[in-house]
Amino acid sequence: MNSSLRQETPQTLDVLDASTAQTVQSRDVAVKILLAGGYEYSLTLKSDAALLRSLIGAFLARTQGKTENFLFQIPIDDGQSSLCFTSEHLVGLITNPPLMVRRQGNTTDGTSSLS
């Protein structure tokens, strides 16, 4: 593992509108969670939701060579069920509108697109 890699946490990421590169004001975002084995689950989250930032943070951690796994327990069906998976099974995220992430306070470095 490269010790020079900076660990991204949900608190250190800005969620940006991919079309304007501006910080997204709180609004609904359709999110499709892609899981290993071809499984997927769609839900709607607010663009400033802690869960969205956690999903992005877990996905980015894997791209930086981090091996820690996190458990996601997401209430679904109006709280009658829950979707549970570990971050190692998170393959991708599709968002509508398209979002980008950037380290807070950084205007150029570390920007990644999610769509």
C-alpha atoms as a PDB file:
ATOM      1  CA  MET A   1       0.000   0.000   0.000  1.00  0.00           C
ATOM      2  CA  ASN A   2       1.288   3.456  -0.881  1.00  0.00           C
ATOM      3  CA  SER A   3       1.461   5.493   2.336  1.00  0.00           C
ATOM      4  CA  SER A   4       1.375   8.760   0.380  1.00  0.00           C
ATOM      5  CA  LEU A   5      -2.240   8.193  -0.648  1.00  0.00           C
ATOM      6  CA  ARG A   6      -4.653  10.454   1.169  1.00  0.00           C
ATOM      7  CA  GLN A   7      -7.693   8.736   2.624  1.00  0.00           C
ATOM      8  CA  GLU A   8     -10.943  10.346   1.587  1.00  0.00           C
ATOM      9  CA  THR A   9     -13.714  10.481   4.153  1.00  0.00           C
ATOM     10  CA  PRO A  10     -17.284  11.647   3.620  1.00  0.00           C
ATOM     11  CA  GLN A  11     -16.465  14.860   5.509  1.00  0.00           C
ATOM     12  CA  THR A  12     -13.579  15.787   3.174  1.00  0.00           C
ATOM     13  CA  LEU A  13     -15.538  15.510  -0.088  1.00  0.00           C
ATOM     14  CA  ASP A  14     -17.597  18.111  -1.946  1.00  0.00           C
ATOM     15  CA  VAL A  15     -20.359  16.833  -4.219  1.00  0.00           C
ATOM     16  CA  LEU A  16     -20.469  18.869  -7.424  1.00  0.00           C
ATOM     17  CA  ASP A  17     -22.860  19.167 -10.352  1.00  0.00           C
ATOM     18  CA  ALA A  18     -20.878  17.679 -13.251  1.00  0.00           C
ATOM     19  CA  SER A  19     -22.310  20.168 -15.747  1.00  0.00           C
ATOM     20  CA  THR A  20     -21.293  23.291 -13.792  1.00  0.00           C
ATOM     21  CA  ALA A  21     -18.549  22.044 -11.413  1.00  0.00           C
ATOM     22  CA  GLN A  22     -20.363  23.953  -8.657  1.00  0.00           C
ATOM     23  CA  THR A  23     -21.245  22.557  -5.246  1.00  0.00           C
ATOM     24  CA  VAL A  24     -24.683  20.971  -5.439  1.00  0.00           C
ATOM     25  CA  GLN A  25     -27.402  22.541  -3.341  1.00  0.00           C
ATOM     26  CA  SER A  26     -29.539  20.008  -1.516  1.00  0.00           C
ATOM     27  CA  ARG A  27     -31.727  18.273  -4.087  1.00  0.00           C
ATOM     28  CA  ASP A  28     -32.893  14.804  -4.991  1.00  0.00           C
ATOM     29  CA  VAL A  29     -30.404  12.550  -6.754  1.00  0.00           C
ATOM     30  CA  ALA A  30     -31.339   9.205  -8.290  1.00  0.00           C
ATOM     31  CA  VAL A  31     -28.609   6.768  -7.264  1.00  0.00           C
ATOM     32  CA  LYS A  32     -28.121   3.288  -8.663  1.00  0.00           C
ATOM     33  CA  ILE A  33     -25.838   1.190  -6.472  1.00  0.00           C
ATOM     34  CA  LEU A  34     -23.966  -1.421  -8.524  1.00  0.00           C
ATOM     35  CA  LEU A  35     -22.880  -4.466  -6.545  1.00  0.00           C
ATOM     36  CA  ALA A  36     -20.656  -7.438  -7.336  1.00  0.00           C
ATOM     37  CA  GLY A  37     -22.400 -10.254  -9.158  1.00  0.00           C
ATOM     38  CA  GLY A  38     -24.434  -7.870 -11.320  1.00  0.00           C
ATOM     39  CA  TYR A  39     -26.807  -6.825  -8.557  1.00  0.00           C
ATOM     40  CA  GLU A  40     -28.089  -3.274  -8.480  1.00  0.00           C
ATOM     41  CA  TYR A  41     -30.431  -1.229  -6.360  1.00  0.00           C
ATOM     42  CA  SER A  42     -31.921   2.184  -7.093  1.00  0.00           C
ATOM     43  CA  LEU A  43     -32.899   4.794  -4.556  1.00  0.00           C
ATOM     44  CA  THR A  44     -33.296   8.545  -4.255  1.00  0.00           C
ATOM     45  CA  LEU A  45     -31.072  10.480  -1.882  1.00  0.00           C
ATOM     46  CA  LYS A  46     -30.528  14.147  -1.148  1.00  0.00           C
ATOM     47  CA  SER A  47     -27.303  15.409  -2.705  1.00  0.00           C
ATOM     48  CA  ASP A  48     -26.007  16.360   0.752  1.00  0.00           C
ATOM     49  CA  ALA A  49     -27.012  13.062   2.418  1.00  0.00           C
ATOM     50  CA  ALA A  50     -24.408  11.423   4.627  1.00  0.00           C
ATOM     51  CA  LEU A  51     -25.189   8.067   2.959  1.00  0.00           C
ATOM     52  CA  LEU A  52     -24.323   9.400  -0.508  1.00  0.00           C
ATOM     53  CA  ARG A  53     -21.036  10.805   0.801  1.00  0.00           C
ATOM     54  CA  SER A  54     -20.288   7.493   2.546  1.00  0.00           C
ATOM     55  CA  LEU A  55     -20.944   5.487  -0.621  1.00  0.00           C
ATOM     56  CA  ILE A  56     -18.694   7.793  -2.628  1.00  0.00           C
ATOM     57  CA  GLY A  57     -16.025   7.738   0.091  1.00  0.00           C
ATOM     58  CA  ALA A  58     -16.022   3.934   0.253  1.00  0.00           C
ATOM     59  CA  PHE A  59     -15.799   3.671  -3.519  1.00  0.00           C
ATOM     60  CA  LEU A  60     -12.951   6.188  -3.703  1.00  0.00           C
ATOM     61  CA  ALA A  61     -11.070   4.441  -0.884  1.00  0.00           C
ATOM     62  CA  ARG A  62     -10.890   1.312  -3.039  1.00  0.00           C
ATOM     63  CA  THR A  63      -9.509   3.310  -5.969  1.00  0.00           C
ATOM     64  CA  GLN A  64      -6.735   4.508  -3.634  1.00  0.00           C
ATOM     65  CA  GLY A  65      -5.727   1.001  -2.611  1.00  0.00           C
ATOM     66  CA  LYS A  66      -7.445   0.992   0.786  1.00  0.00           C
ATOM     67  CA  THR A  67      -8.445  -2.467   1.992  1.00  0.00           C
ATOM     68  CA  GLU A  68     -10.804  -1.567   4.842  1.00  0.00           C
ATOM     69  CA  ASN A  69     -14.374  -2.796   4.427  1.00  0.00           C
ATOM     70  CA  PHE A  70     -17.429  -1.008   5.701  1.00  0.00           C
ATOM     71  CA  LEU A  71     -20.917  -2.322   6.301  1.00  0.00           C
ATOM     72  CA  PHE A  72     -23.767  -0.443   4.659  1.00  0.00           C
ATOM     73  CA  GLN A  73     -27.255  -0.913   6.103  1.00  0.00           C
ATOM     74  CA  ILE A  74     -29.692   1.126   4.049  1.00  0.00           C
ATOM     75  CA  PRO A  75     -33.364   1.314   5.042  1.00  0.00           C
ATOM     76  CA  ILE A  76     -35.645   0.633   2.058  1.00  0.00           C
ATOM     77  CA  ASP A  77     -39.377   0.151   1.466  1.00  0.00           C
ATOM     78  CA  ASP A  78     -40.294   2.963   3.871  1.00  0.00           C
ATOM     79  CA  GLY A  79     -38.179   1.395   6.611  1.00  0.00           C
ATOM     80  CA  GLN A  80     -39.821  -2.017   6.327  1.00  0.00           C
ATOM     81  CA  SER A  81     -36.665  -3.648   4.901  1.00  0.00           C
ATOM     82  CA  SER A  82     -32.978  -2.936   4.664  1.00  0.00           C
ATOM     83  CA  LEU A  83     -30.311  -3.411   2.040  1.00  0.00           C
ATOM     84  CA  CYS A  84     -27.074  -4.647   3.640  1.00  0.00           C
ATOM     85  CA  PHE A  85     -23.724  -5.101   1.903  1.00  0.00           C
ATOM     86  CA  THR A  86     -20.057  -4.519   2.568  1.00  0.00           C
ATOM     87  CA  SER A  87     -18.033  -1.907   0.730  1.00  0.00           C
ATOM     88  CA  GLU A  88     -15.940  -4.631  -0.926  1.00  0.00           C
ATOM     89  CA  HIS A  89     -19.043  -5.528  -2.970  1.00  0.00           C
ATOM     90  CA  LEU A  90     -19.598  -1.951  -4.164  1.00  0.00           C
ATOM     91  CA  VAL A  91     -18.687  -1.919  -7.863  1.00  0.00           C
ATOM     92  CA  GLY A  92     -19.998   1.483  -8.926  1.00  0.00           C
ATOM     93  CA  LEU A  93     -22.509   4.278  -8.563  1.00  0.00           C
ATOM     94  CA  ILE A  94     -24.684   5.826 -11.248  1.00  0.00           C
ATOM     95  CA  THR A  95     -26.176   9.213 -10.401  1.00  0.00           C
ATOM     96  CA  ASN A  96     -28.777  11.356 -12.108  1.00  0.00           C
ATOM     97  CA  PRO A  97     -28.014  14.201 -12.361  1.00  0.00           C
ATOM     98  CA  PRO A  98     -24.345  13.347 -12.941  1.00  0.00           C
ATOM     99  CA  LEU A  99     -22.167  14.241  -9.976  1.00  0.00           C
ATOM    100  CA  MET A 100     -18.454  14.787  -9.443  1.00  0.00           C
ATOM    101  CA  VAL A 101     -16.559  14.716  -6.170  1.00  0.00           C
ATOM    102  CA  ARG A 102     -13.677  16.872  -5.056  1.00  0.00           C
ATOM    103  CA  ARG A 103     -11.711  17.264  -1.846  1.00  0.00           C
ATOM    104  CA  GLN A 104     -13.159  20.158   0.139  1.00  0.00           C
ATOM    105  CA  GLY A 105     -11.330  23.406  -0.455  1.00  0.00           C
ATOM    106  CA  ASN A 106      -9.681  22.100  -3.626  1.00  0.00           C
ATOM    107  CA  THR A 107     -10.687  23.584  -6.964  1.00  0.00           C
ATOM    108  CA  THR A 108      -8.699  21.367  -9.338  1.00  0.00           C
ATOM    109  CA  ASP A 109      -6.933  18.398  -7.707  1.00  0.00           C
ATOM    110  CA  GLY A 110      -8.729  15.168  -6.918  1.00  0.00           C
ATOM    111  CA  THR A 111     -11.876  15.698  -8.979  1.00  0.00           C
ATOM    112  CA  SER A 112     -13.563  12.474 -10.034  1.00  0.00           C
ATOM    113  CA  SER A 113     -16.703  12.081 -12.096  1.00  0.00           C
ATOM    114  CA  LEU A 114     -19.603   9.818 -11.113  1.00  0.00           C
ATOM    115  CA  SER A 115     -22.301   9.194 -13.666  1.00  0.00           C
END
